[in-house]
Amino acid sequence: MATHYKGTIQEVTALDSYIKLVRAVESLTARLNALLQKNGLTGSQFSVLEALYHLGPLCQTELGSKLLKSGGNITMVIDNLEKQELVKREKTQKDRRFYTIHLTERGLNLIEKIFPDHVKAITLEFSVLTEAEQTELQRMCKLIGIKKQSA
């Protein structure tokens, strides 16, 4: 789907690129989330488990920052994971206002079970691109992701 906006070539190209990028991400996310839903997880919950699995225990605010989640949103995600006994909160020793989030044994077992299938699904999804195209996509996404606002 392309934009119907009748602006400059630069505006139309930018809007078309944005629409295609968002639609691709939403389509890919929907397909990948099906596996997570089979295991009772949302995408955000999986992201928390995956981050803790690969990075180890993290402060709740640091975890939210790494996953680009607001404080309120990351709190709700962690609350729900805690109810499922997949993570636990521990007050930090230095500043008891902050919590460090840890995987529980149950959380570790779940992420170890589903992560390999998640990687296989992502690999299959990206197989429509060559390795060189995937590298170029990474480069372009990084450019967009680090774009600074001009005054």
N, C-alpha and C. Protein backbone atom coordinates (compact mmCIF):
# COMPACT_ATOMS: atom_id res chain seq x y z
N MET A 1 0.85 -1.17 0.00
CA MET A 1 0.00 0.00 0.00
C MET A 1 0.89 1.23 0.00
N ALA A 2 0.61 2.13 -0.89
CA ALA A 2 1.38 3.37 -0.98
C ALA A 2 0.54 4.53 -0.45
N THR A 3 1.19 5.64 -0.21
CA THR A 3 0.48 6.81 0.27
C THR A 3 -0.33 7.43 -0.88
N HIS A 4 -1.41 8.06 -0.51
CA HIS A 4 -2.21 8.80 -1.48
C HIS A 4 -1.95 10.30 -1.35
N TYR A 5 -1.00 10.63 -0.50
CA TYR A 5 -0.64 12.02 -0.26
C TYR A 5 0.00 12.60 -1.53
N LYS A 6 -0.41 13.80 -1.89
CA LYS A 6 0.11 14.46 -3.11
C LYS A 6 1.08 15.57 -2.72
N GLY A 7 2.23 15.17 -2.24
CA GLY A 7 3.24 16.15 -1.86
C GLY A 7 4.41 16.11 -2.81
N THR A 8 5.53 16.59 -2.31
CA THR A 8 6.75 16.58 -3.11
C THR A 8 7.22 15.14 -3.29
N ILE A 9 8.10 14.93 -4.25
CA ILE A 9 8.66 13.60 -4.46
C ILE A 9 9.34 13.11 -3.18
N GLN A 10 10.06 13.98 -2.51
CA GLN A 10 10.75 13.62 -1.27
C GLN A 10 9.73 13.19 -0.21
N GLU A 11 8.63 13.93 -0.05
CA GLU A 11 7.60 13.60 0.95
C GLU A 11 6.92 12.27 0.62
N VAL A 12 6.54 12.09 -0.62
CA VAL A 12 5.86 10.85 -1.04
C VAL A 12 6.78 9.65 -0.87
N THR A 13 8.04 9.80 -1.24
CA THR A 13 9.01 8.70 -1.10
C THR A 13 9.20 8.35 0.38
N ALA A 14 9.34 9.36 1.23
CA ALA A 14 9.51 9.13 2.67
C ALA A 14 8.27 8.45 3.26
N LEU A 15 7.08 8.94 2.91
CA LEU A 15 5.85 8.33 3.41
C LEU A 15 5.70 6.89 2.93
N ASP A 16 5.97 6.64 1.65
CA ASP A 16 5.89 5.28 1.11
C ASP A 16 6.88 4.36 1.83
N SER A 17 8.09 4.84 2.06
CA SER A 17 9.10 4.04 2.77
C SER A 17 8.63 3.73 4.18
N TYR A 18 8.10 4.72 4.86
CA TYR A 18 7.61 4.54 6.23
C TYR A 18 6.48 3.51 6.26
N ILE A 19 5.52 3.64 5.37
CA ILE A 19 4.37 2.72 5.32
C ILE A 19 4.86 1.29 5.09
N LYS A 20 5.76 1.11 4.15
CA LYS A 20 6.27 -0.23 3.85
C LYS A 20 7.05 -0.82 5.02
N LEU A 21 7.85 0.02 5.68
CA LEU A 21 8.61 -0.43 6.84
C LEU A 21 7.69 -0.86 7.97
N VAL A 22 6.71 -0.03 8.29
CA VAL A 22 5.78 -0.34 9.39
C VAL A 22 4.97 -1.59 9.07
N ARG A 23 4.47 -1.69 7.85
CA ARG A 23 3.68 -2.86 7.47
C ARG A 23 4.53 -4.14 7.53
N ALA A 24 5.78 -4.06 7.10
CA ALA A 24 6.66 -5.23 7.16
C ALA A 24 6.89 -5.65 8.60
N VAL A 25 7.17 -4.69 9.47
CA VAL A 25 7.42 -4.99 10.88
C VAL A 25 6.17 -5.57 11.54
N GLU A 26 5.02 -4.98 11.27
CA GLU A 26 3.78 -5.48 11.88
C GLU A 26 3.43 -6.88 11.38
N SER A 27 3.63 -7.13 10.11
CA SER A 27 3.36 -8.45 9.54
C SER A 27 4.31 -9.50 10.13
N LEU A 28 5.58 -9.18 10.16
CA LEU A 28 6.59 -10.08 10.72
C LEU A 28 6.31 -10.34 12.21
N THR A 29 6.01 -9.30 12.94
CA THR A 29 5.73 -9.43 14.38
C THR A 29 4.52 -10.32 14.61
N ALA A 30 3.48 -10.16 13.83
CA ALA A 30 2.27 -10.98 13.99
C ALA A 30 2.60 -12.46 13.76
N ARG A 31 3.40 -12.75 12.75
CA ARG A 31 3.76 -14.15 12.48
C ARG A 31 4.62 -14.72 13.60
N LEU A 32 5.59 -13.95 14.08
CA LEU A 32 6.48 -14.43 15.14
C LEU A 32 5.76 -14.54 16.49
N ASN A 33 4.81 -13.66 16.74
CA ASN A 33 4.09 -13.69 18.02
C ASN A 33 3.21 -14.92 18.16
N ALA A 34 2.85 -15.56 17.06
CA ALA A 34 2.03 -16.77 17.13
C ALA A 34 2.74 -17.85 17.97
N LEU A 35 4.04 -18.00 17.78
CA LEU A 35 4.81 -18.97 18.57
C LEU A 35 4.82 -18.58 20.05
N LEU A 36 4.96 -17.29 20.31
CA LEU A 36 5.00 -16.83 21.70
C LEU A 36 3.65 -17.06 22.38
N GLN A 37 2.57 -16.78 21.66
CA GLN A 37 1.24 -16.94 22.22
C GLN A 37 0.95 -18.40 22.57
N LYS A 38 1.49 -19.33 21.79
CA LYS A 38 1.33 -20.76 22.10
C LYS A 38 1.94 -21.09 23.46
N ASN A 39 2.92 -20.29 23.86
CA ASN A 39 3.59 -20.51 25.15
C ASN A 39 3.11 -19.53 26.22
N GLY A 40 1.99 -18.84 25.95
CA GLY A 40 1.38 -17.96 26.94
C GLY A 40 2.10 -16.65 27.16
N LEU A 41 2.85 -16.19 26.17
CA LEU A 41 3.62 -14.96 26.32
C LEU A 41 3.21 -13.92 25.29
N THR A 42 3.34 -12.66 25.68
CA THR A 42 3.23 -11.57 24.73
C THR A 42 4.64 -11.27 24.20
N GLY A 43 4.71 -10.45 23.16
CA GLY A 43 6.01 -10.06 22.64
C GLY A 43 6.86 -9.35 23.68
N SER A 44 6.23 -8.47 24.46
CA SER A 44 6.96 -7.74 25.50
C SER A 44 7.46 -8.68 26.59
N GLN A 45 6.65 -9.64 26.98
CA GLN A 45 7.07 -10.59 28.00
C GLN A 45 8.25 -11.43 27.51
N PHE A 46 8.18 -11.87 26.26
CA PHE A 46 9.29 -12.62 25.69
C PHE A 46 10.55 -11.78 25.66
N SER A 47 10.42 -10.50 25.29
CA SER A 47 11.58 -9.61 25.23
C SER A 47 12.27 -9.50 26.59
N VAL A 48 11.48 -9.42 27.65
CA VAL A 48 12.05 -9.36 29.00
C VAL A 48 12.80 -10.65 29.32
N LEU A 49 12.15 -11.78 29.07
CA LEU A 49 12.79 -13.07 29.36
C LEU A 49 14.08 -13.23 28.56
N GLU A 50 14.02 -12.85 27.29
CA GLU A 50 15.19 -12.99 26.41
C GLU A 50 16.33 -12.09 26.88
N ALA A 51 16.01 -10.86 27.27
CA ALA A 51 17.05 -9.94 27.75
C ALA A 51 17.70 -10.47 29.03
N LEU A 52 16.89 -10.96 29.95
CA LEU A 52 17.44 -11.50 31.20
C LEU A 52 18.26 -12.76 30.93
N TYR A 53 17.83 -13.55 29.98
CA TYR A 53 18.53 -14.79 29.62
C TYR A 53 19.92 -14.48 29.07
N HIS A 54 20.00 -13.48 28.20
CA HIS A 54 21.29 -13.19 27.55
C HIS A 54 22.15 -12.19 28.32
N LEU A 55 21.53 -11.31 29.10
CA LEU A 55 22.30 -10.27 29.79
C LEU A 55 22.43 -10.49 31.29
N GLY A 56 21.62 -11.39 31.82
CA GLY A 56 21.62 -11.62 33.26
C GLY A 56 20.68 -10.65 33.95
N PRO A 57 20.61 -10.71 35.28
CA PRO A 57 19.70 -9.84 36.03
C PRO A 57 19.95 -8.37 35.70
N LEU A 58 18.86 -7.62 35.59
CA LEU A 58 18.94 -6.19 35.26
C LEU A 58 18.03 -5.40 36.17
N CYS A 59 18.44 -4.17 36.44
CA CYS A 59 17.59 -3.22 37.15
C CYS A 59 16.35 -2.98 36.28
N GLN A 60 15.20 -2.84 36.91
CA GLN A 60 13.96 -2.67 36.17
C GLN A 60 14.01 -1.47 35.22
N THR A 61 14.58 -0.36 35.65
CA THR A 61 14.65 0.82 34.78
C THR A 61 15.60 0.58 33.61
N GLU A 62 16.70 -0.13 33.86
CA GLU A 62 17.64 -0.46 32.78
C GLU A 62 16.98 -1.40 31.77
N LEU A 63 16.22 -2.36 32.26
CA LEU A 63 15.51 -3.28 31.40
C LEU A 63 14.51 -2.53 30.52
N GLY A 64 13.76 -1.62 31.11
CA GLY A 64 12.81 -0.81 30.34
C GLY A 64 13.51 0.01 29.27
N SER A 65 14.64 0.57 29.62
CA SER A 65 15.41 1.38 28.67
C SER A 65 15.93 0.54 27.50
N LYS A 66 16.46 -0.64 27.79
CA LYS A 66 16.99 -1.53 26.75
C LYS A 66 15.88 -1.98 25.80
N LEU A 67 14.66 -2.16 26.32
CA LEU A 67 13.56 -2.66 25.51
C LEU A 67 12.67 -1.53 24.97
N LEU A 68 13.09 -0.28 25.22
CA LEU A 68 12.33 0.89 24.76
C LEU A 68 10.90 0.89 25.29
N LYS A 69 10.74 0.55 26.56
CA LYS A 69 9.43 0.51 27.22
C LYS A 69 9.38 1.58 28.29
N SER A 70 8.22 2.19 28.44
CA SER A 70 8.04 3.20 29.49
C SER A 70 8.08 2.53 30.86
N GLY A 71 8.29 3.33 31.88
CA GLY A 71 8.33 2.81 33.24
C GLY A 71 7.05 2.07 33.61
N GLY A 72 5.91 2.66 33.29
CA GLY A 72 4.63 2.02 33.60
C GLY A 72 4.43 0.73 32.84
N ASN A 73 4.83 0.73 31.57
CA ASN A 73 4.65 -0.47 30.75
C ASN A 73 5.54 -1.60 31.23
N ILE A 74 6.80 -1.32 31.52
CA ILE A 74 7.72 -2.38 31.95
C ILE A 74 7.27 -2.92 33.30
N THR A 75 6.73 -2.07 34.16
CA THR A 75 6.22 -2.53 35.45
C THR A 75 5.09 -3.52 35.25
N MET A 76 4.15 -3.22 34.35
CA MET A 76 3.03 -4.11 34.09
C MET A 76 3.51 -5.44 33.50
N VAL A 77 4.46 -5.39 32.58
CA VAL A 77 4.98 -6.61 31.96
C VAL A 77 5.64 -7.48 33.03
N ILE A 78 6.45 -6.87 33.88
CA ILE A 78 7.14 -7.62 34.93
C ILE A 78 6.13 -8.15 35.95
N ASP A 79 5.11 -7.35 36.29
CA ASP A 79 4.06 -7.83 37.19
C ASP A 79 3.45 -9.12 36.66
N ASN A 80 3.12 -9.14 35.37
CA ASN A 80 2.49 -10.31 34.77
C ASN A 80 3.44 -11.50 34.71
N LEU A 81 4.71 -11.25 34.45
CA LEU A 81 5.69 -12.34 34.46
C LEU A 81 5.89 -12.88 35.87
N GLU A 82 5.84 -11.99 36.84
CA GLU A 82 5.99 -12.40 38.23
C GLU A 82 4.81 -13.27 38.66
N LYS A 83 3.60 -12.92 38.22
CA LYS A 83 2.41 -13.73 38.54
C LYS A 83 2.54 -15.14 37.97
N GLN A 84 3.21 -15.26 36.83
CA GLN A 84 3.43 -16.58 36.22
C GLN A 84 4.66 -17.28 36.79
N GLU A 85 5.31 -16.63 37.77
CA GLU A 85 6.51 -17.14 38.43
C GLU A 85 7.66 -17.37 37.44
N LEU A 86 7.76 -16.47 36.45
CA LEU A 86 8.83 -16.55 35.46
C LEU A 86 10.00 -15.62 35.80
N VAL A 87 9.72 -14.56 36.57
CA VAL A 87 10.76 -13.64 37.05
C VAL A 87 10.49 -13.32 38.51
N LYS A 88 11.51 -12.78 39.16
CA LYS A 88 11.34 -12.29 40.54
C LYS A 88 12.06 -10.97 40.67
N ARG A 89 11.51 -10.12 41.52
CA ARG A 89 12.13 -8.82 41.81
C ARG A 89 12.90 -8.93 43.11
N GLU A 90 14.06 -8.27 43.13
CA GLU A 90 14.82 -8.16 44.37
C GLU A 90 15.27 -6.71 44.51
N LYS A 91 15.10 -6.15 45.70
CA LYS A 91 15.57 -4.79 45.94
C LYS A 91 17.09 -4.78 45.86
N THR A 92 17.62 -3.74 45.23
CA THR A 92 19.08 -3.64 45.13
C THR A 92 19.64 -3.25 46.49
N GLN A 93 20.86 -3.66 46.75
CA GLN A 93 21.51 -3.39 48.03
C GLN A 93 21.87 -1.91 48.17
N LYS A 94 22.35 -1.30 47.08
CA LYS A 94 22.80 0.09 47.15
C LYS A 94 21.66 1.07 47.32
N ASP A 95 20.57 0.84 46.61
CA ASP A 95 19.44 1.77 46.64
C ASP A 95 18.16 0.95 46.62
N ARG A 96 17.52 0.84 47.79
CA ARG A 96 16.39 -0.07 47.92
C ARG A 96 15.14 0.43 47.20
N ARG A 97 15.22 1.60 46.55
CA ARG A 97 14.09 2.06 45.73
C ARG A 97 14.06 1.33 44.40
N PHE A 98 15.19 0.72 44.01
CA PHE A 98 15.31 0.06 42.73
C PHE A 98 15.24 -1.45 42.89
N TYR A 99 14.68 -2.09 41.87
CA TYR A 99 14.58 -3.54 41.85
C TYR A 99 15.45 -4.11 40.74
N THR A 100 16.08 -5.25 41.04
CA THR A 100 16.76 -6.03 40.02
C THR A 100 15.84 -7.18 39.67
N ILE A 101 15.70 -7.43 38.37
CA ILE A 101 14.81 -8.47 37.90
C ILE A 101 15.65 -9.69 37.55
N HIS A 102 15.24 -10.85 38.03
CA HIS A 102 15.94 -12.11 37.82
C HIS A 102 14.99 -13.12 37.18
N LEU A 103 15.52 -13.98 36.34
CA LEU A 103 14.75 -15.13 35.87
C LEU A 103 14.61 -16.12 37.01
N THR A 104 13.44 -16.72 37.13
CA THR A 104 13.29 -17.84 38.05
C THR A 104 13.70 -19.11 37.30
N GLU A 105 13.76 -20.21 38.00
CA GLU A 105 14.08 -21.47 37.33
C GLU A 105 13.01 -21.78 36.27
N ARG A 106 11.77 -21.50 36.60
CA ARG A 106 10.68 -21.73 35.64
C ARG A 106 10.83 -20.83 34.41
N GLY A 107 11.21 -19.57 34.64
CA GLY A 107 11.44 -18.65 33.52
C GLY A 107 12.60 -19.09 32.66
N LEU A 108 13.68 -19.54 33.30
CA LEU A 108 14.86 -20.02 32.58
C LEU A 108 14.48 -21.23 31.72
N ASN A 109 13.73 -22.16 32.30
CA ASN A 109 13.32 -23.35 31.55
C ASN A 109 12.46 -22.97 30.34
N LEU A 110 11.57 -22.01 30.52
CA LEU A 110 10.69 -21.60 29.42
C LEU A 110 11.48 -20.95 28.29
N ILE A 111 12.35 -20.00 28.62
CA ILE A 111 13.09 -19.30 27.57
C ILE A 111 14.05 -20.27 26.88
N GLU A 112 14.65 -21.19 27.61
CA GLU A 112 15.53 -22.19 26.98
C GLU A 112 14.75 -23.11 26.05
N LYS A 113 13.50 -23.34 26.37
CA LYS A 113 12.65 -24.20 25.54
C LYS A 113 12.22 -23.50 24.26
N ILE A 114 11.81 -22.24 24.34
CA ILE A 114 11.22 -21.60 23.16
C ILE A 114 12.21 -20.78 22.34
N PHE A 115 13.33 -20.37 22.92
CA PHE A 115 14.25 -19.50 22.17
C PHE A 115 14.78 -20.16 20.89
N PRO A 116 15.18 -21.43 20.91
CA PRO A 116 15.67 -22.04 19.66
C PRO A 116 14.62 -22.02 18.53
N ASP A 117 13.37 -22.27 18.85
CA ASP A 117 12.31 -22.22 17.83
C ASP A 117 12.09 -20.79 17.34
N HIS A 118 12.24 -19.83 18.24
CA HIS A 118 12.11 -18.42 17.87
C HIS A 118 13.21 -18.03 16.88
N VAL A 119 14.43 -18.46 17.15
CA VAL A 119 15.55 -18.18 16.25
C VAL A 119 15.31 -18.83 14.89
N LYS A 120 14.83 -20.08 14.89
CA LYS A 120 14.54 -20.76 13.62
C LYS A 120 13.48 -20.01 12.83
N ALA A 121 12.44 -19.53 13.51
CA ALA A 121 11.37 -18.80 12.83
C ALA A 121 11.89 -17.50 12.23
N ILE A 122 12.72 -16.79 12.98
CA ILE A 122 13.29 -15.54 12.46
C ILE A 122 14.20 -15.83 11.26
N THR A 123 15.02 -16.86 11.39
CA THR A 123 15.92 -17.24 10.29
C THR A 123 15.11 -17.58 9.03
N LEU A 124 14.04 -18.30 9.20
CA LEU A 124 13.18 -18.64 8.06
C LEU A 124 12.55 -17.39 7.46
N GLU A 125 12.05 -16.50 8.29
CA GLU A 125 11.43 -15.26 7.80
C GLU A 125 12.43 -14.43 6.98
N PHE A 126 13.66 -14.36 7.45
CA PHE A 126 14.66 -13.53 6.78
C PHE A 126 15.35 -14.25 5.62
N SER A 127 15.00 -15.50 5.40
CA SER A 127 15.61 -16.23 4.29
C SER A 127 15.18 -15.70 2.93
N VAL A 128 14.18 -14.82 2.90
CA VAL A 128 13.79 -14.19 1.63
C VAL A 128 14.85 -13.18 1.18
N LEU A 129 15.75 -12.82 2.09
CA LEU A 129 16.84 -11.90 1.78
C LEU A 129 18.16 -12.66 1.79
N THR A 130 19.08 -12.25 0.94
CA THR A 130 20.43 -12.82 0.98
C THR A 130 21.13 -12.30 2.24
N GLU A 131 22.26 -12.90 2.56
CA GLU A 131 23.04 -12.42 3.70
C GLU A 131 23.46 -10.96 3.49
N ALA A 132 23.86 -10.64 2.27
CA ALA A 132 24.26 -9.26 1.96
C ALA A 132 23.07 -8.30 2.12
N GLU A 133 21.90 -8.72 1.69
CA GLU A 133 20.70 -7.87 1.84
C GLU A 133 20.34 -7.69 3.32
N GLN A 134 20.51 -8.75 4.11
CA GLN A 134 20.24 -8.63 5.54
C GLN A 134 21.22 -7.66 6.20
N THR A 135 22.48 -7.72 5.80
CA THR A 135 23.48 -6.80 6.32
C THR A 135 23.15 -5.36 5.93
N GLU A 136 22.70 -5.17 4.70
CA GLU A 136 22.32 -3.83 4.24
C GLU A 136 21.08 -3.34 5.00
N LEU A 137 20.13 -4.22 5.25
CA LEU A 137 18.95 -3.86 6.02
C LEU A 137 19.35 -3.43 7.44
N GLN A 138 20.25 -4.15 8.04
CA GLN A 138 20.75 -3.78 9.37
C GLN A 138 21.35 -2.38 9.35
N ARG A 139 22.17 -2.12 8.33
CA ARG A 139 22.83 -0.81 8.21
C ARG A 139 21.79 0.30 8.08
N MET A 140 20.80 0.08 7.24
CA MET A 140 19.78 1.11 7.01
C MET A 140 18.92 1.33 8.26
N CYS A 141 18.55 0.24 8.93
CA CYS A 141 17.75 0.38 10.15
C CYS A 141 18.52 1.14 11.22
N LYS A 142 19.81 0.88 11.31
CA LYS A 142 20.64 1.59 12.28
C LYS A 142 20.67 3.07 11.97
N LEU A 143 20.79 3.42 10.70
CA LEU A 143 20.77 4.85 10.29
C LEU A 143 19.47 5.53 10.73
N ILE A 144 18.36 4.85 10.49
CA ILE A 144 17.07 5.42 10.87
C ILE A 144 16.95 5.49 12.39
N GLY A 145 17.41 4.46 13.07
CA GLY A 145 17.28 4.38 14.51
C GLY A 145 18.10 5.41 15.27
N ILE A 146 19.23 5.83 14.70
CA ILE A 146 20.08 6.79 15.41
C ILE A 146 19.95 8.21 14.86
N LYS A 147 19.03 8.42 13.94
CA LYS A 147 18.82 9.75 13.36
C LYS A 147 18.57 10.76 14.47
N LYS A 148 19.30 11.84 14.45
CA LYS A 148 19.11 12.91 15.44
C LYS A 148 18.15 13.94 14.86
N GLN A 149 17.37 14.53 15.75
CA GLN A 149 16.44 15.58 15.33
C GLN A 149 17.21 16.83 14.94
N SER A 150 16.84 17.41 13.84
CA SER A 150 17.43 18.70 13.46
C SER A 150 16.57 19.82 14.00
N ALA A 151 17.21 20.94 14.29
CA ALA A 151 16.50 22.06 14.93
C ALA A 151 15.58 22.77 13.97
